[in-house]
Amino acid sequence: MQTMINSVIPPGYWPLAGNFGLNTNLLETNLINLGVVLSLLVYFGKGVLSNLLNNRKQTILSTIRDAEERYKEATDKLGQARIRLQRAKVKADEIRVNGLSQMEREKQELIHVADEDSKRLEDSKNATIRFEEQRAIEQVRQQVSCLALERASEALNSRLNGELHSRMIDYHIGLLRAMESTTD
């Protein structure tokens, strides 16, 4: 391995190269090499690593801010949705109450109309009954009048003779003359 190092870096190239050598013992050099590599990484990679960490930090912060904004928007939308839900519930209750009151009003109105129709039918029935009673009474009166006239006519015809008939005529003529003289 020494020959390989000498072929890459000739010993006369650096004045101190003779004093400076590489230890090829793996157990001794591993910690030193690891320390050198880590220091080189820290020295050269510090900027890159800090840039990467800063970029990652900014990305995480912006993601957190976006999440917080989305959370705030979602919370606002949830609040608005709850308000709309409450309004819808109130409106539904109003509609239900209005529907029930309108149903009650229509029920009362139908009952009132039915009562009025019943009264009209009762009045019509009573008027029809009175009319039929009057007609029946009138028919009975006519029949009674006809029978009375027939009996009176039969009684007059059976009792009335020529002499009584002329006395009745004379009596009525006298009455008419008396009425005529009082009016003049």
Protein backbone atom coordinates (compact mmCIF):
# COMPACT_ATOMS: atom_id res chain seq x y z
CA MET A 1 0.00 0.00 0.00
CA GLN A 2 2.95 2.29 0.66
CA THR A 3 4.03 1.87 -2.92
CA MET A 4 0.65 2.89 -4.09
CA ILE A 5 0.74 6.08 -2.03
CA ASN A 6 4.26 6.82 -3.25
CA SER A 7 3.09 6.42 -6.81
CA VAL A 8 0.25 8.91 -6.27
CA ILE A 9 2.22 11.41 -4.15
CA PRO A 10 6.01 11.11 -4.71
CA PRO A 11 8.03 11.53 -1.47
CA GLY A 12 10.20 14.35 -2.83
CA TYR A 13 7.25 16.47 -3.79
CA TRP A 14 6.62 17.67 -0.27
CA PRO A 15 9.54 18.52 1.90
CA LEU A 16 7.84 17.14 4.96
CA ALA A 17 6.42 14.21 3.15
CA GLY A 18 9.07 11.98 4.51
CA ASN A 19 7.97 12.80 7.99
CA PHE A 20 4.38 12.65 7.01
CA GLY A 21 3.21 9.24 6.17
CA LEU A 22 0.14 7.26 6.07
CA ASN A 23 -0.42 4.62 8.60
CA THR A 24 -1.92 1.63 6.94
CA ASN A 25 -2.82 -0.12 10.13
CA LEU A 26 -6.57 -0.23 9.98
CA LEU A 27 -7.18 -0.34 13.70
CA GLU A 28 -4.99 2.71 14.40
CA THR A 29 -6.04 4.79 11.46
CA ASN A 30 -9.75 4.21 11.48
CA LEU A 31 -10.51 6.67 14.25
CA ILE A 32 -8.11 9.27 12.89
CA ASN A 33 -9.44 8.90 9.36
CA LEU A 34 -12.97 9.05 10.62
CA GLY A 35 -12.17 12.23 12.56
CA VAL A 36 -10.51 13.77 9.50
CA VAL A 37 -13.42 12.85 7.24
CA LEU A 38 -15.91 14.18 9.74
CA SER A 39 -14.03 17.43 10.18
CA LEU A 40 -13.81 17.85 6.41
CA LEU A 41 -17.49 17.12 6.13
CA VAL A 42 -18.28 19.61 8.86
CA TYR A 43 -16.02 22.26 7.38
CA PHE A 44 -17.13 21.91 3.76
CA GLY A 45 -20.60 20.57 4.33
CA LYS A 46 -21.56 23.08 6.98
CA GLY A 47 -22.97 25.56 4.48
CA VAL A 48 -24.68 22.92 2.40
CA LEU A 49 -26.04 21.19 5.45
CA SER A 50 -27.20 24.45 7.01
CA ASN A 51 -28.82 25.43 3.68
CA LEU A 52 -30.53 22.06 3.49
CA LEU A 53 -31.65 22.33 7.10
CA ASN A 54 -32.83 25.92 6.60
CA ASN A 55 -34.71 24.91 3.44
CA ARG A 56 -36.22 21.96 5.28
CA LYS A 57 -37.08 24.20 8.23
CA GLN A 58 -38.72 26.76 5.91
CA THR A 59 -40.62 23.98 4.14
CA ILE A 60 -41.83 22.58 7.45
CA LEU A 61 -42.77 26.05 8.74
CA SER A 62 -44.66 26.88 5.53
CA THR A 63 -46.39 23.51 5.68
CA ILE A 64 -47.35 24.17 9.30
CA ARG A 65 -48.58 27.69 8.39
CA ASP A 66 -50.57 26.27 5.47
CA ALA A 67 -52.01 23.60 7.73
CA GLU A 68 -52.90 26.22 10.34
CA GLU A 69 -54.53 28.40 7.67
CA ARG A 70 -56.45 25.42 6.33
CA TYR A 71 -57.42 24.55 9.90
CA LYS A 72 -58.59 28.12 10.49
CA GLU A 73 -60.54 28.12 7.20
CA ALA A 74 -62.03 24.73 8.01
CA THR A 75 -62.97 25.99 11.48
CA ASP A 76 -64.55 29.12 9.97
CA LYS A 77 -66.42 27.03 7.42
CA LEU A 78 -67.53 24.68 10.18
CA GLY A 79 -68.77 27.65 12.21
CA GLN A 80 -70.61 29.02 9.18
CA ALA A 81 -72.06 25.58 8.46
CA ARG A 82 -73.24 25.33 12.07
CA ILE A 83 -74.83 28.77 11.82
CA ARG A 84 -76.54 27.76 8.57
CA LEU A 85 -77.63 24.52 10.21
CA GLN A 86 -79.12 26.44 13.15
CA ARG A 87 -80.89 28.79 10.75
CA ALA A 88 -82.18 25.83 8.77
CA LYS A 89 -83.42 24.21 11.99
CA VAL A 90 -85.14 27.44 13.02
CA LYS A 91 -86.65 27.78 9.54
CA ALA A 92 -87.78 24.14 9.61
CA ASP A 93 -89.36 24.69 13.03
CA GLU A 94 -91.10 27.82 11.73
CA ILE A 95 -92.36 25.94 8.69
CA ARG A 96 -93.54 23.06 10.88
CA VAL A 97 -95.28 25.44 13.32
CA ASN A 98 -96.80 27.42 10.44
CA GLY A 99 -97.93 24.19 8.81
CA LEU A 100 -99.50 22.97 12.02
CA SER A 101 -101.23 26.30 12.65
CA GLN A 102 -102.43 26.43 9.06
CA MET A 103 -103.71 22.86 9.36
CA GLU A 104 -105.54 23.86 12.55
CA ARG A 105 -107.00 26.96 10.84
CA GLU A 106 -108.11 24.90 7.84
CA LYS A 107 -109.57 22.29 10.18
CA GLN A 108 -111.52 24.98 12.05
CA GLU A 109 -112.58 26.51 8.75
CA LEU A 110 -113.77 23.12 7.46
CA ILE A 111 -115.65 22.54 10.70
CA HIS A 112 -117.22 26.00 10.40
CA VAL A 113 -118.16 25.40 6.74
CA ALA A 114 -119.57 21.98 7.63
CA ASP A 115 -121.61 23.55 10.44
CA GLU A 116 -122.91 26.24 8.08
CA ASP A 117 -123.77 23.60 5.47
CA SER A 118 -125.50 21.55 8.14
CA LYS A 119 -127.49 24.61 9.28
CA ARG A 120 -128.42 25.43 5.68
CA LEU A 121 -129.52 21.85 5.09
CA GLU A 122 -131.49 21.93 8.35
CA ASP A 123 -133.11 25.24 7.36
CA SER A 124 -133.84 23.89 3.87
CA LYS A 125 -135.30 20.73 5.39
CA ASN A 126 -137.43 22.77 7.80
CA ALA A 127 -138.58 25.07 4.96
CA THR A 128 -139.45 22.04 2.83
CA ILE A 129 -141.33 20.50 5.74
CA ARG A 130 -143.23 23.78 6.37
CA PHE A 131 -143.99 24.07 2.67
CA GLU A 132 -145.26 20.50 2.53
CA GLU A 133 -147.28 21.10 5.73
CA GLN A 134 -148.80 24.25 4.20
CA ARG A 135 -149.56 22.41 0.99
CA ALA A 136 -151.11 19.52 2.91
CA ILE A 137 -153.12 21.96 5.04
CA GLU A 138 -154.22 23.80 1.90
CA GLN A 139 -155.28 20.54 0.28
CA VAL A 140 -157.17 19.57 3.42
CA ARG A 141 -158.83 23.04 3.49
CA GLN A 142 -159.82 22.72 -0.14
CA GLN A 143 -161.23 19.26 0.44
CA VAL A 144 -163.01 20.45 3.60
CA SER A 145 -164.32 23.53 1.72
CA CYS A 146 -165.49 21.37 -1.15
CA LEU A 147 -167.20 18.97 1.23
CA ALA A 148 -168.73 21.85 3.20
CA LEU A 149 -169.97 23.46 -0.01
CA GLU A 150 -171.39 20.18 -1.19
CA ARG A 151 -173.18 19.59 2.12
CA ALA A 152 -174.38 23.20 2.30
CA SER A 153 -175.58 22.97 -1.29
CA GLU A 154 -177.35 19.68 -0.53
CA ALA A 155 -178.84 21.18 2.64
CA LEU A 156 -179.98 24.31 0.80
CA ASN A 157 -181.36 22.33 -2.08
CA SER A 158 -183.24 20.03 0.26
CA ARG A 159 -184.67 22.91 2.36
CA LEU A 160 -184.98 25.54 -0.26
CA ASN A 161 -188.26 25.65 -2.08
CA GLY A 162 -189.67 28.28 -4.43
CA GLU A 163 -191.28 30.46 -1.80
CA LEU A 164 -188.19 30.57 0.46
CA HIS A 165 -186.09 31.26 -2.57
CA SER A 166 -188.13 34.32 -3.59
CA ARG A 167 -188.16 35.65 -0.01
CA MET A 168 -184.34 35.40 0.10
CA ILE A 169 -184.03 37.24 -3.16
CA ASP A 170 -186.37 39.98 -1.96
CA TYR A 171 -184.48 40.28 1.33
CA HIS A 172 -181.16 40.71 -0.42
CA ILE A 173 -182.58 43.23 -2.87
CA GLY A 174 -183.84 45.23 0.11
CA LEU A 175 -180.39 45.13 1.67
CA LEU A 176 -178.80 46.36 -1.52
CA ARG A 177 -181.26 49.27 -1.74
CA ALA A 178 -180.57 50.22 1.85
CA MET A 179 -176.87 50.22 1.19
CA GLU A 180 -177.35 52.28 -1.93
CA SER A 181 -179.42 54.94 -0.14
CA THR A 182 -176.81 55.27 2.66
CA THR A 183 -173.99 55.83 0.23
CA ASP A 184 -175.83 58.60 -1.69
